[in-house]
Amino acid sequence: MSTQKITPFLTFFGTAEEAMNFYVSLFDHSEVLSIERYGPEAGGAEGKVIHATFSLSGQEFACIDSPIAHEWTFTPAISLYVSCSSEEEIDGLYARLAEGGQVLMPLGTYPFSEKFVWLADRYGVSWQLTLEQE
């Protein structure tokens, strides 16, 4: 019997390592698992990320610095949804992720959450943060 594993894959254009390190700094039990860089003849900008994996609170992600220019970037239609266990956690994540980013739904009370915010960070990745209901 085979096992299917689904890993979110984030495509950046020169900021993959910076973004990955930023995300790892935000969450407990997070780490960079592996990183492979473009060499002089690899087709991408030398030293940039050809493939990396990292873990955020046990959830594995992969990322790349794409050597190909695309017309698209991240969209809020797909976001990373984080259930926060305390006011301190949601406020801290909100403050850090909002720096240089864009708030899509302001931090506040909504019918579905006592405290919620939806934002795109400085790299364009969309995050929904919610305070866990007791």
N, C-alpha and C. Protein backbone atom coordinates (compact mmCIF):
# COMPACT_ATOMS: atom_id res chain seq x y z
N MET A 1 0.84 -1.18 0.00
CA MET A 1 0.00 0.00 0.00
C MET A 1 0.89 1.24 0.00
N SER A 2 0.64 2.16 -0.91
CA SER A 2 1.46 3.37 -0.99
C SER A 2 0.85 4.47 -0.12
N THR A 3 1.72 5.37 0.31
CA THR A 3 1.29 6.49 1.13
C THR A 3 1.46 7.77 0.32
N GLN A 4 0.43 8.58 0.25
CA GLN A 4 0.48 9.86 -0.43
C GLN A 4 0.92 10.93 0.56
N LYS A 5 1.91 11.71 0.21
CA LYS A 5 2.35 12.80 1.07
C LYS A 5 2.19 14.10 0.29
N ILE A 6 1.53 15.05 0.88
CA ILE A 6 1.31 16.34 0.23
C ILE A 6 2.12 17.39 0.97
N THR A 7 2.98 18.10 0.25
CA THR A 7 3.84 19.12 0.83
C THR A 7 3.57 20.45 0.13
N PRO A 8 3.17 21.49 0.86
CA PRO A 8 3.04 22.81 0.23
C PRO A 8 4.40 23.23 -0.36
N PHE A 9 4.37 23.75 -1.59
CA PHE A 9 5.58 24.14 -2.31
C PHE A 9 5.46 25.62 -2.66
N LEU A 10 6.39 26.42 -2.17
CA LEU A 10 6.36 27.88 -2.36
C LEU A 10 7.42 28.29 -3.38
N THR A 11 6.99 29.00 -4.41
CA THR A 11 7.90 29.47 -5.46
C THR A 11 8.20 30.95 -5.25
N PHE A 12 9.47 31.24 -5.03
CA PHE A 12 9.93 32.61 -4.85
C PHE A 12 10.80 33.00 -6.03
N PHE A 13 11.13 34.26 -6.11
CA PHE A 13 11.97 34.78 -7.18
C PHE A 13 13.14 35.54 -6.57
N GLY A 14 14.01 34.78 -5.87
CA GLY A 14 15.21 35.37 -5.28
C GLY A 14 15.18 35.55 -3.78
N THR A 15 14.04 35.28 -3.13
CA THR A 15 13.94 35.49 -1.68
C THR A 15 13.58 34.22 -0.90
N ALA A 16 13.73 33.06 -1.50
CA ALA A 16 13.32 31.81 -0.86
C ALA A 16 14.02 31.58 0.49
N GLU A 17 15.33 31.73 0.52
CA GLU A 17 16.06 31.47 1.76
C GLU A 17 15.69 32.49 2.84
N GLU A 18 15.59 33.74 2.46
CA GLU A 18 15.20 34.78 3.41
C GLU A 18 13.80 34.50 3.98
N ALA A 19 12.85 34.17 3.12
CA ALA A 19 11.48 33.88 3.56
C ALA A 19 11.46 32.65 4.45
N MET A 20 12.14 31.59 4.03
CA MET A 20 12.18 30.35 4.81
C MET A 20 12.73 30.60 6.21
N ASN A 21 13.82 31.33 6.30
CA ASN A 21 14.41 31.63 7.61
C ASN A 21 13.48 32.49 8.47
N PHE A 22 12.79 33.42 7.83
CA PHE A 22 11.81 34.25 8.54
C PHE A 22 10.69 33.38 9.11
N TYR A 23 10.12 32.51 8.31
CA TYR A 23 9.03 31.66 8.78
C TYR A 23 9.49 30.73 9.91
N VAL A 24 10.68 30.16 9.77
CA VAL A 24 11.21 29.28 10.81
C VAL A 24 11.38 30.04 12.13
N SER A 25 11.71 31.33 12.06
CA SER A 25 11.90 32.13 13.27
C SER A 25 10.57 32.43 13.98
N LEU A 26 9.45 32.29 13.30
CA LEU A 26 8.15 32.64 13.86
C LEU A 26 7.50 31.55 14.71
N PHE A 27 7.79 30.30 14.39
CA PHE A 27 7.05 29.20 15.00
C PHE A 27 7.98 28.29 15.79
N ASP A 28 7.50 27.86 16.97
CA ASP A 28 8.22 26.87 17.77
C ASP A 28 8.32 25.56 16.99
N HIS A 29 9.33 24.78 17.32
CA HIS A 29 9.53 23.46 16.72
C HIS A 29 9.61 23.54 15.20
N SER A 30 10.37 24.51 14.71
CA SER A 30 10.53 24.73 13.27
C SER A 30 12.00 24.74 12.93
N GLU A 31 12.32 24.28 11.71
CA GLU A 31 13.72 24.23 11.30
C GLU A 31 13.85 24.10 9.80
N VAL A 32 15.01 24.53 9.29
CA VAL A 32 15.37 24.26 7.91
C VAL A 32 15.86 22.82 7.87
N LEU A 33 15.29 22.02 6.98
CA LEU A 33 15.63 20.61 6.90
C LEU A 33 16.72 20.34 5.87
N SER A 34 16.64 21.02 4.74
CA SER A 34 17.66 20.85 3.71
C SER A 34 17.65 22.06 2.79
N ILE A 35 18.79 22.30 2.18
CA ILE A 35 18.88 23.39 1.21
C ILE A 35 19.92 23.02 0.15
N GLU A 36 19.52 23.17 -1.09
CA GLU A 36 20.42 22.94 -2.23
C GLU A 36 20.44 24.23 -3.03
N ARG A 37 21.64 24.65 -3.41
CA ARG A 37 21.80 25.94 -4.11
C ARG A 37 22.21 25.75 -5.57
N TYR A 38 21.84 26.71 -6.38
CA TYR A 38 22.30 26.71 -7.77
C TYR A 38 23.80 26.92 -7.80
N GLY A 39 24.47 26.13 -8.60
CA GLY A 39 25.90 26.31 -8.83
C GLY A 39 26.11 27.18 -10.06
N PRO A 40 27.37 27.35 -10.46
CA PRO A 40 27.67 28.24 -11.58
C PRO A 40 27.05 27.79 -12.91
N GLU A 41 26.80 26.52 -13.08
CA GLU A 41 26.26 26.02 -14.34
C GLU A 41 24.87 25.41 -14.18
N ALA A 42 24.16 25.73 -13.11
CA ALA A 42 22.90 25.06 -12.80
C ALA A 42 21.66 25.69 -13.43
N GLY A 43 21.78 26.81 -14.08
CA GLY A 43 20.63 27.41 -14.75
C GLY A 43 19.90 28.47 -13.95
N GLY A 44 20.27 28.66 -12.69
CA GLY A 44 19.66 29.70 -11.85
C GLY A 44 20.76 30.60 -11.33
N ALA A 45 20.37 31.62 -10.60
CA ALA A 45 21.35 32.54 -10.03
C ALA A 45 22.20 31.80 -9.00
N GLU A 46 23.49 31.80 -9.20
CA GLU A 46 24.41 31.07 -8.33
C GLU A 46 24.20 31.45 -6.87
N GLY A 47 24.08 30.42 -6.02
CA GLY A 47 23.89 30.62 -4.59
C GLY A 47 22.44 30.69 -4.15
N LYS A 48 21.52 30.89 -5.10
CA LYS A 48 20.09 30.93 -4.76
C LYS A 48 19.57 29.50 -4.58
N VAL A 49 18.37 29.37 -4.05
CA VAL A 49 17.80 28.07 -3.69
C VAL A 49 17.24 27.34 -4.91
N ILE A 50 17.83 26.17 -5.19
CA ILE A 50 17.29 25.31 -6.25
C ILE A 50 16.19 24.41 -5.66
N HIS A 51 16.35 24.05 -4.39
CA HIS A 51 15.31 23.31 -3.66
C HIS A 51 15.66 23.31 -2.18
N ALA A 52 14.67 23.60 -1.35
CA ALA A 52 14.88 23.56 0.10
C ALA A 52 13.62 23.00 0.74
N THR A 53 13.82 22.40 1.91
CA THR A 53 12.69 21.95 2.71
C THR A 53 12.84 22.52 4.11
N PHE A 54 11.71 22.83 4.71
CA PHE A 54 11.71 23.34 6.07
C PHE A 54 10.43 22.88 6.76
N SER A 55 10.46 22.93 8.07
CA SER A 55 9.33 22.49 8.88
C SER A 55 8.87 23.64 9.76
N LEU A 56 7.55 23.87 9.77
CA LEU A 56 6.94 24.86 10.65
C LEU A 56 6.01 24.12 11.60
N SER A 57 6.38 24.04 12.85
CA SER A 57 5.59 23.32 13.86
C SER A 57 5.23 21.91 13.40
N GLY A 58 6.18 21.26 12.74
CA GLY A 58 5.98 19.88 12.31
C GLY A 58 5.43 19.72 10.90
N GLN A 59 4.90 20.79 10.29
CA GLN A 59 4.39 20.72 8.92
C GLN A 59 5.54 21.00 7.95
N GLU A 60 5.79 20.08 7.04
CA GLU A 60 6.89 20.25 6.10
C GLU A 60 6.45 21.09 4.89
N PHE A 61 7.36 21.96 4.45
CA PHE A 61 7.18 22.79 3.27
C PHE A 61 8.40 22.63 2.37
N ALA A 62 8.25 22.97 1.10
CA ALA A 62 9.37 23.02 0.17
C ALA A 62 9.33 24.38 -0.51
N CYS A 63 10.51 24.84 -0.98
CA CYS A 63 10.54 26.11 -1.68
C CYS A 63 11.68 26.13 -2.69
N ILE A 64 11.62 27.13 -3.56
CA ILE A 64 12.59 27.30 -4.64
C ILE A 64 12.69 28.78 -4.99
N ASP A 65 13.83 29.17 -5.53
CA ASP A 65 13.96 30.45 -6.22
C ASP A 65 13.86 30.11 -7.70
N SER A 66 12.76 30.41 -8.32
CA SER A 66 12.56 30.05 -9.72
C SER A 66 13.50 30.85 -10.62
N PRO A 67 14.21 30.16 -11.51
CA PRO A 67 15.06 30.87 -12.46
C PRO A 67 14.26 31.40 -13.66
N ILE A 68 12.99 31.03 -13.72
CA ILE A 68 12.13 31.42 -14.83
C ILE A 68 11.19 32.53 -14.37
N ALA A 69 11.13 33.60 -15.13
CA ALA A 69 10.20 34.69 -14.81
C ALA A 69 8.79 34.24 -15.16
N HIS A 70 7.87 34.38 -14.21
CA HIS A 70 6.47 34.01 -14.41
C HIS A 70 5.61 35.25 -14.30
N GLU A 71 4.46 35.20 -14.91
CA GLU A 71 3.51 36.30 -14.83
C GLU A 71 2.76 36.29 -13.51
N TRP A 72 2.85 35.21 -12.76
CA TRP A 72 2.09 35.05 -11.53
C TRP A 72 2.99 35.10 -10.31
N THR A 73 2.34 35.30 -9.18
CA THR A 73 2.99 35.24 -7.89
C THR A 73 1.99 34.60 -6.92
N PHE A 74 2.16 34.79 -5.65
CA PHE A 74 1.23 34.20 -4.68
C PHE A 74 -0.13 34.90 -4.77
N THR A 75 -1.17 34.18 -4.42
CA THR A 75 -2.53 34.72 -4.41
C THR A 75 -3.18 34.40 -3.06
N PRO A 76 -4.04 35.28 -2.55
CA PRO A 76 -4.73 34.99 -1.30
C PRO A 76 -5.74 33.84 -1.41
N ALA A 77 -6.01 33.39 -2.64
CA ALA A 77 -6.98 32.30 -2.82
C ALA A 77 -6.52 31.03 -2.10
N ILE A 78 -5.23 30.88 -1.92
CA ILE A 78 -4.68 29.79 -1.11
C ILE A 78 -3.85 30.45 -0.02
N SER A 79 -4.13 30.06 1.22
CA SER A 79 -3.42 30.69 2.33
C SER A 79 -3.02 29.64 3.35
N LEU A 80 -2.11 30.03 4.23
CA LEU A 80 -1.68 29.18 5.33
C LEU A 80 -2.54 29.57 6.53
N TYR A 81 -3.27 28.62 7.07
CA TYR A 81 -4.23 28.85 8.14
C TYR A 81 -3.60 28.41 9.45
N VAL A 82 -3.48 29.33 10.40
CA VAL A 82 -2.80 29.04 11.66
C VAL A 82 -3.78 29.24 12.81
N SER A 83 -3.99 28.17 13.59
CA SER A 83 -4.80 28.25 14.81
C SER A 83 -3.87 28.61 15.96
N CYS A 84 -4.09 29.76 16.55
CA CYS A 84 -3.24 30.26 17.63
C CYS A 84 -3.88 29.92 18.97
N SER A 85 -3.05 29.50 19.92
CA SER A 85 -3.57 29.05 21.21
C SER A 85 -3.71 30.17 22.24
N SER A 86 -3.18 31.37 21.91
CA SER A 86 -3.26 32.47 22.88
C SER A 86 -3.32 33.81 22.16
N GLU A 87 -3.77 34.82 22.89
CA GLU A 87 -3.78 36.20 22.37
C GLU A 87 -2.35 36.63 22.05
N GLU A 88 -1.43 36.27 22.93
CA GLU A 88 -0.03 36.63 22.72
C GLU A 88 0.50 36.05 21.41
N GLU A 89 0.16 34.81 21.12
CA GLU A 89 0.63 34.17 19.89
C GLU A 89 0.06 34.85 18.65
N ILE A 90 -1.26 35.08 18.61
CA ILE A 90 -1.86 35.69 17.42
C ILE A 90 -1.36 37.12 17.23
N ASP A 91 -1.24 37.87 18.33
CA ASP A 91 -0.76 39.25 18.23
C ASP A 91 0.69 39.30 17.74
N GLY A 92 1.53 38.39 18.25
CA GLY A 92 2.93 38.35 17.85
C GLY A 92 3.11 37.95 16.40
N LEU A 93 2.39 36.92 15.96
CA LEU A 93 2.47 36.50 14.56
C LEU A 93 1.95 37.60 13.64
N TYR A 94 0.83 38.20 14.02
CA TYR A 94 0.26 39.29 13.22
C TYR A 94 1.27 40.43 13.05
N ALA A 95 1.88 40.84 14.14
CA ALA A 95 2.84 41.95 14.09
C ALA A 95 4.00 41.64 13.16
N ARG A 96 4.55 40.45 13.25
CA ARG A 96 5.72 40.08 12.45
C ARG A 96 5.35 39.87 10.98
N LEU A 97 4.25 39.17 10.73
CA LEU A 97 3.85 38.88 9.35
C LEU A 97 3.36 40.13 8.62
N ALA A 98 2.79 41.07 9.33
CA ALA A 98 2.26 42.29 8.71
C ALA A 98 3.35 43.28 8.30
N GLU A 99 4.55 43.16 8.90
CA GLU A 99 5.65 44.08 8.57
C GLU A 99 5.96 44.00 7.08
N GLY A 100 5.69 45.07 6.37
CA GLY A 100 5.97 45.12 4.93
C GLY A 100 4.96 44.36 4.10
N GLY A 101 3.91 43.86 4.73
CA GLY A 101 2.88 43.11 4.03
C GLY A 101 1.62 43.92 3.84
N GLN A 102 0.51 43.20 3.60
CA GLN A 102 -0.77 43.86 3.36
C GLN A 102 -1.86 43.11 4.13
N VAL A 103 -2.63 43.84 4.92
CA VAL A 103 -3.74 43.25 5.66
C VAL A 103 -4.93 43.14 4.71
N LEU A 104 -5.46 41.92 4.59
CA LEU A 104 -6.60 41.66 3.71
C LEU A 104 -7.93 41.72 4.47
N MET A 105 -7.93 41.26 5.71
CA MET A 105 -9.06 41.41 6.63
C MET A 105 -8.46 41.83 7.96
N PRO A 106 -8.83 42.97 8.50
CA PRO A 106 -8.21 43.49 9.72
C PRO A 106 -8.38 42.56 10.92
N LEU A 107 -7.43 42.66 11.83
CA LEU A 107 -7.51 41.91 13.08
C LEU A 107 -8.76 42.34 13.83
N GLY A 108 -9.61 41.38 14.14
CA GLY A 108 -10.84 41.72 14.84
C GLY A 108 -11.68 40.50 15.14
N THR A 109 -12.89 40.77 15.61
CA THR A 109 -13.86 39.73 15.91
C THR A 109 -14.77 39.54 14.71
N TYR A 110 -14.99 38.28 14.35
CA TYR A 110 -15.85 37.93 13.21
C TYR A 110 -16.82 36.85 13.67
N PRO A 111 -17.91 36.63 12.95
CA PRO A 111 -18.88 35.61 13.36
C PRO A 111 -18.26 34.21 13.52
N PHE A 112 -17.19 33.95 12.81
CA PHE A 112 -16.55 32.63 12.84
C PHE A 112 -15.34 32.56 13.78
N SER A 113 -14.93 33.71 14.35
CA SER A 113 -13.76 33.71 15.21
C SER A 113 -13.78 34.91 16.15
N GLU A 114 -13.41 34.66 17.39
CA GLU A 114 -13.30 35.73 18.39
C GLU A 114 -12.21 36.73 18.01
N LYS A 115 -11.13 36.20 17.38
CA LYS A 115 -10.03 37.06 16.95
C LYS A 115 -9.41 36.43 15.71
N PHE A 116 -9.38 37.21 14.62
CA PHE A 116 -8.95 36.70 13.32
C PHE A 116 -8.32 37.81 12.51
N VAL A 117 -7.36 37.44 11.67
CA VAL A 117 -6.77 38.36 10.69
C VAL A 117 -6.33 37.56 9.47
N TRP A 118 -6.44 38.19 8.31
CA TRP A 118 -5.99 37.59 7.05
C TRP A 118 -5.06 38.60 6.41
N LEU A 119 -3.84 38.17 6.08
CA LEU A 119 -2.87 39.10 5.51
C LEU A 119 -1.93 38.40 4.54
N ALA A 120 -1.30 39.20 3.72
CA ALA A 120 -0.24 38.72 2.84
C ALA A 120 1.05 39.31 3.39
N ASP A 121 2.06 38.45 3.60
CA ASP A 121 3.31 38.94 4.17
C ASP A 121 4.17 39.65 3.12
N ARG A 122 5.33 40.11 3.51
CA ARG A 122 6.21 40.87 2.61
C ARG A 122 6.66 40.09 1.39
N TYR A 123 6.52 38.76 1.43
CA TYR A 123 6.89 37.91 0.29
C TYR A 123 5.69 37.58 -0.58
N GLY A 124 4.50 37.99 -0.15
CA GLY A 124 3.28 37.73 -0.90
C GLY A 124 2.52 36.50 -0.47
N VAL A 125 3.05 35.74 0.50
CA VAL A 125 2.36 34.55 0.99
C VAL A 125 1.20 34.97 1.89
N SER A 126 0.04 34.36 1.69
CA SER A 126 -1.18 34.70 2.41
C SER A 126 -1.32 33.84 3.66
N TRP A 127 -1.69 34.48 4.76
CA TRP A 127 -1.85 33.83 6.07
C TRP A 127 -3.19 34.20 6.66
N GLN A 128 -3.88 33.21 7.24
CA GLN A 128 -5.06 33.46 8.05
C GLN A 128 -4.70 33.01 9.46
N LEU A 129 -4.82 33.93 10.41
CA LEU A 129 -4.54 33.63 11.81
C LEU A 129 -5.83 33.71 12.59
N THR A 130 -6.10 32.69 13.39
CA THR A 130 -7.30 32.69 14.20
C THR A 130 -6.98 32.25 15.62
N LEU A 131 -7.69 32.82 16.55
CA LEU A 131 -7.55 32.42 17.94
C LEU A 131 -8.44 31.19 18.16
N GLU A 132 -7.84 30.11 18.68
CA GLU A 132 -8.62 28.89 18.92
C GLU A 132 -9.78 29.19 19.86
N GLN A 133 -10.91 28.62 19.58
CA GLN A 133 -12.09 28.77 20.44
C GLN A 133 -11.96 27.85 21.64
N GLU A 134 -12.33 28.32 22.79
CA GLU A 134 -12.25 27.50 24.00
C GLU A 134 -13.47 26.66 24.18
